[in-house]
Structure formats: structure tokens, C-alpha cells
Amino acid sequence: MKKKLCPQCKIPSVYVKNEKGERRLVYVTSDGTVVPKNPEETLDGYDLSEVFCLGCSWHGSPSRMARW
């Protein structure tokens, strides 16, 4: 699985938030699918339309992330 990278700092680790502001660590695959870093976790209730970078202040649509 190839992971998309943050367009600013070029790391693959991003997170998503739910209504309560809780965060879940995810990756975005090369086809734009958001998947949890920990396969046992679910993304139910999390907003997958916006991702946030762990390394810098960038956030946006998963489709805007840089490809390998």
C-alpha cells in the first residue's frame, strides 16, 4: 500500500477528528482511501473529508495530499 504524503512536510502520518474533537491516526492510500493506522480501530463517526498533518499545520482534503 503506497501512502500519500503531506504536501508541506512530506510525512505520511495524518489524523482525522470526530464531533467531540477526538483524533484517530490514519494514512491516505494512493487511491485516496483513508485507512486507520491501527487495523483494529474503526473510523465510524470520524470526518474523512478533512485530514490533519501530525508534523506541521497543514490540513485539507485527502485528495490534496501529495503522491509518492
N, C-alpha and C. Protein backbone atom coordinates (compact mmCIF):
# COMPACT_ATOMS: atom_id res chain seq x y z
N MET A 1 0.85 -1.18 0.00
CA MET A 1 0.00 0.00 0.00
C MET A 1 0.89 1.24 0.00
N LYS A 2 0.78 2.04 -1.03
CA LYS A 2 1.51 3.31 -1.07
C LYS A 2 0.67 4.37 -0.36
N LYS A 3 1.36 5.22 0.40
CA LYS A 3 0.68 6.25 1.19
C LYS A 3 0.95 7.61 0.58
N LYS A 4 -0.07 8.44 0.58
CA LYS A 4 0.11 9.83 0.16
C LYS A 4 0.86 10.57 1.27
N LEU A 5 1.49 11.68 0.90
CA LEU A 5 2.29 12.45 1.82
C LEU A 5 1.71 13.84 2.02
N CYS A 6 2.00 14.43 3.17
CA CYS A 6 1.61 15.82 3.42
C CYS A 6 2.28 16.70 2.38
N PRO A 7 1.55 17.61 1.74
CA PRO A 7 2.15 18.47 0.71
C PRO A 7 3.18 19.45 1.25
N GLN A 8 3.17 19.72 2.57
CA GLN A 8 4.13 20.66 3.13
C GLN A 8 5.38 19.97 3.68
N CYS A 9 5.20 18.98 4.55
CA CYS A 9 6.36 18.40 5.24
C CYS A 9 6.71 17.00 4.76
N LYS A 10 5.91 16.44 3.87
CA LYS A 10 6.19 15.16 3.20
C LYS A 10 6.21 13.94 4.13
N ILE A 11 5.42 13.95 5.22
CA ILE A 11 5.29 12.75 6.03
C ILE A 11 3.93 12.10 5.75
N PRO A 12 3.80 10.79 5.94
CA PRO A 12 2.55 10.12 5.63
C PRO A 12 1.52 10.10 6.76
N SER A 13 1.93 10.43 7.98
CA SER A 13 1.03 10.31 9.14
C SER A 13 0.12 11.52 9.28
N VAL A 14 -1.17 11.27 9.23
CA VAL A 14 -2.17 12.31 9.41
C VAL A 14 -3.24 11.78 10.36
N TYR A 15 -4.15 12.64 10.77
CA TYR A 15 -5.24 12.20 11.63
C TYR A 15 -6.55 12.81 11.18
N VAL A 16 -7.64 12.20 11.64
CA VAL A 16 -8.99 12.70 11.41
C VAL A 16 -9.62 12.97 12.77
N LYS A 17 -10.68 13.77 12.79
CA LYS A 17 -11.37 14.11 14.03
C LYS A 17 -12.84 13.68 13.96
N ASN A 18 -13.44 13.48 15.13
CA ASN A 18 -14.88 13.25 15.19
C ASN A 18 -15.54 14.49 15.78
N GLU A 19 -16.85 14.43 16.02
CA GLU A 19 -17.58 15.59 16.54
C GLU A 19 -17.06 16.07 17.89
N LYS A 20 -16.56 15.16 18.71
CA LYS A 20 -16.05 15.50 20.04
C LYS A 20 -14.64 16.07 20.01
N GLY A 21 -14.02 16.06 18.82
CA GLY A 21 -12.65 16.54 18.70
C GLY A 21 -11.61 15.46 18.96
N GLU A 22 -12.05 14.23 19.14
CA GLU A 22 -11.12 13.12 19.34
C GLU A 22 -10.41 12.83 18.03
N ARG A 23 -9.15 12.45 18.14
CA ARG A 23 -8.36 12.22 16.94
C ARG A 23 -8.08 10.73 16.74
N ARG A 24 -7.95 10.33 15.48
CA ARG A 24 -7.61 8.95 15.13
C ARG A 24 -6.52 9.02 14.07
N LEU A 25 -5.40 8.34 14.31
CA LEU A 25 -4.27 8.32 13.39
C LEU A 25 -4.60 7.49 12.17
N VAL A 26 -4.36 8.06 10.97
CA VAL A 26 -4.70 7.39 9.72
C VAL A 26 -3.61 7.62 8.67
N TYR A 27 -3.73 6.87 7.59
CA TYR A 27 -2.95 7.09 6.37
C TYR A 27 -3.94 7.29 5.24
N VAL A 28 -3.50 7.94 4.17
CA VAL A 28 -4.30 8.08 2.96
C VAL A 28 -3.56 7.29 1.88
N THR A 29 -4.24 6.32 1.29
CA THR A 29 -3.62 5.48 0.27
C THR A 29 -3.52 6.24 -1.05
N SER A 30 -2.75 5.69 -1.98
CA SER A 30 -2.54 6.35 -3.27
C SER A 30 -3.84 6.54 -4.04
N ASP A 31 -4.87 5.73 -3.76
CA ASP A 31 -6.16 5.91 -4.44
C ASP A 31 -7.11 6.83 -3.66
N GLY A 32 -6.62 7.45 -2.58
CA GLY A 32 -7.41 8.42 -1.82
C GLY A 32 -8.24 7.86 -0.69
N THR A 33 -8.08 6.57 -0.39
CA THR A 33 -8.83 5.95 0.70
C THR A 33 -8.17 6.26 2.04
N VAL A 34 -8.97 6.65 3.02
CA VAL A 34 -8.47 6.91 4.37
C VAL A 34 -8.57 5.61 5.16
N VAL A 35 -7.44 5.15 5.71
CA VAL A 35 -7.42 3.90 6.47
C VAL A 35 -6.77 4.15 7.83
N PRO A 36 -7.27 3.49 8.89
CA PRO A 36 -6.66 3.68 10.21
C PRO A 36 -5.26 3.08 10.26
N LYS A 37 -4.36 3.72 10.98
CA LYS A 37 -3.01 3.17 11.15
C LYS A 37 -3.08 1.84 11.87
N ASN A 38 -3.94 1.75 12.88
CA ASN A 38 -4.14 0.52 13.63
C ASN A 38 -5.33 -0.21 13.01
N PRO A 39 -5.12 -1.34 12.35
CA PRO A 39 -6.21 -2.02 11.64
C PRO A 39 -7.39 -2.45 12.52
N GLU A 40 -7.18 -2.56 13.83
CA GLU A 40 -8.27 -2.96 14.73
C GLU A 40 -9.23 -1.81 15.02
N GLU A 41 -8.82 -0.57 14.73
CA GLU A 41 -9.66 0.59 15.02
C GLU A 41 -10.64 0.84 13.87
N THR A 42 -11.76 1.45 14.21
CA THR A 42 -12.77 1.80 13.21
C THR A 42 -12.78 3.31 13.02
N LEU A 43 -13.24 3.74 11.87
CA LEU A 43 -13.35 5.17 11.58
C LEU A 43 -14.79 5.65 11.62
N ASP A 44 -15.68 4.83 12.18
CA ASP A 44 -17.09 5.21 12.31
C ASP A 44 -17.20 6.47 13.15
N GLY A 45 -17.92 7.45 12.65
CA GLY A 45 -18.13 8.70 13.38
C GLY A 45 -17.05 9.74 13.14
N TYR A 46 -16.02 9.42 12.37
CA TYR A 46 -14.95 10.36 12.08
C TYR A 46 -15.18 11.01 10.72
N ASP A 47 -14.84 12.29 10.61
CA ASP A 47 -14.99 13.03 9.36
C ASP A 47 -13.80 12.72 8.46
N LEU A 48 -14.04 11.96 7.40
CA LEU A 48 -12.98 11.54 6.50
C LEU A 48 -12.76 12.51 5.35
N SER A 49 -13.50 13.62 5.35
CA SER A 49 -13.36 14.59 4.27
C SER A 49 -12.23 15.59 4.54
N GLU A 50 -11.70 15.62 5.77
CA GLU A 50 -10.60 16.51 6.11
C GLU A 50 -9.59 15.77 6.96
N VAL A 51 -8.33 15.86 6.58
CA VAL A 51 -7.25 15.24 7.35
C VAL A 51 -6.31 16.33 7.85
N PHE A 52 -5.62 16.04 8.95
CA PHE A 52 -4.72 16.98 9.60
C PHE A 52 -3.34 16.34 9.73
N CYS A 53 -2.30 17.06 9.37
CA CYS A 53 -0.93 16.54 9.41
C CYS A 53 -0.42 16.51 10.85
N LEU A 54 0.34 15.46 11.19
CA LEU A 54 0.95 15.38 12.51
C LEU A 54 2.23 16.20 12.61
N GLY A 55 2.86 16.51 11.49
CA GLY A 55 4.16 17.16 11.51
C GLY A 55 4.15 18.66 11.32
N CYS A 56 3.07 19.21 10.78
CA CYS A 56 3.02 20.66 10.53
C CYS A 56 1.58 21.13 10.69
N SER A 57 1.29 22.29 10.22
CA SER A 57 -0.06 22.86 10.42
C SER A 57 -0.99 22.60 9.24
N TRP A 58 -0.57 21.82 8.25
CA TRP A 58 -1.41 21.60 7.07
C TRP A 58 -2.64 20.78 7.40
N HIS A 59 -3.77 21.13 6.77
CA HIS A 59 -4.97 20.30 6.83
C HIS A 59 -5.75 20.54 5.55
N GLY A 60 -6.50 19.53 5.15
CA GLY A 60 -7.28 19.66 3.93
C GLY A 60 -7.85 18.33 3.49
N SER A 61 -8.35 18.32 2.29
CA SER A 61 -8.96 17.13 1.71
C SER A 61 -7.90 16.07 1.45
N PRO A 62 -8.22 14.80 1.68
CA PRO A 62 -7.26 13.74 1.37
C PRO A 62 -6.81 13.76 -0.09
N SER A 63 -7.66 14.24 -0.99
CA SER A 63 -7.29 14.29 -2.40
C SER A 63 -6.22 15.33 -2.69
N ARG A 64 -6.00 16.26 -1.79
CA ARG A 64 -4.99 17.31 -1.98
C ARG A 64 -3.61 16.90 -1.49
N MET A 65 -3.51 15.71 -0.90
CA MET A 65 -2.21 15.25 -0.41
C MET A 65 -1.32 14.87 -1.59
N ALA A 66 -0.01 15.00 -1.41
CA ALA A 66 0.96 14.70 -2.46
C ALA A 66 1.10 13.19 -2.64
N ARG A 67 1.37 12.78 -3.87
CA ARG A 67 1.60 11.37 -4.16
C ARG A 67 3.09 11.07 -4.05
N TRP A 68 3.43 9.82 -3.83
CA TRP A 68 4.83 9.39 -3.76
C TRP A 68 5.59 9.89 -4.95
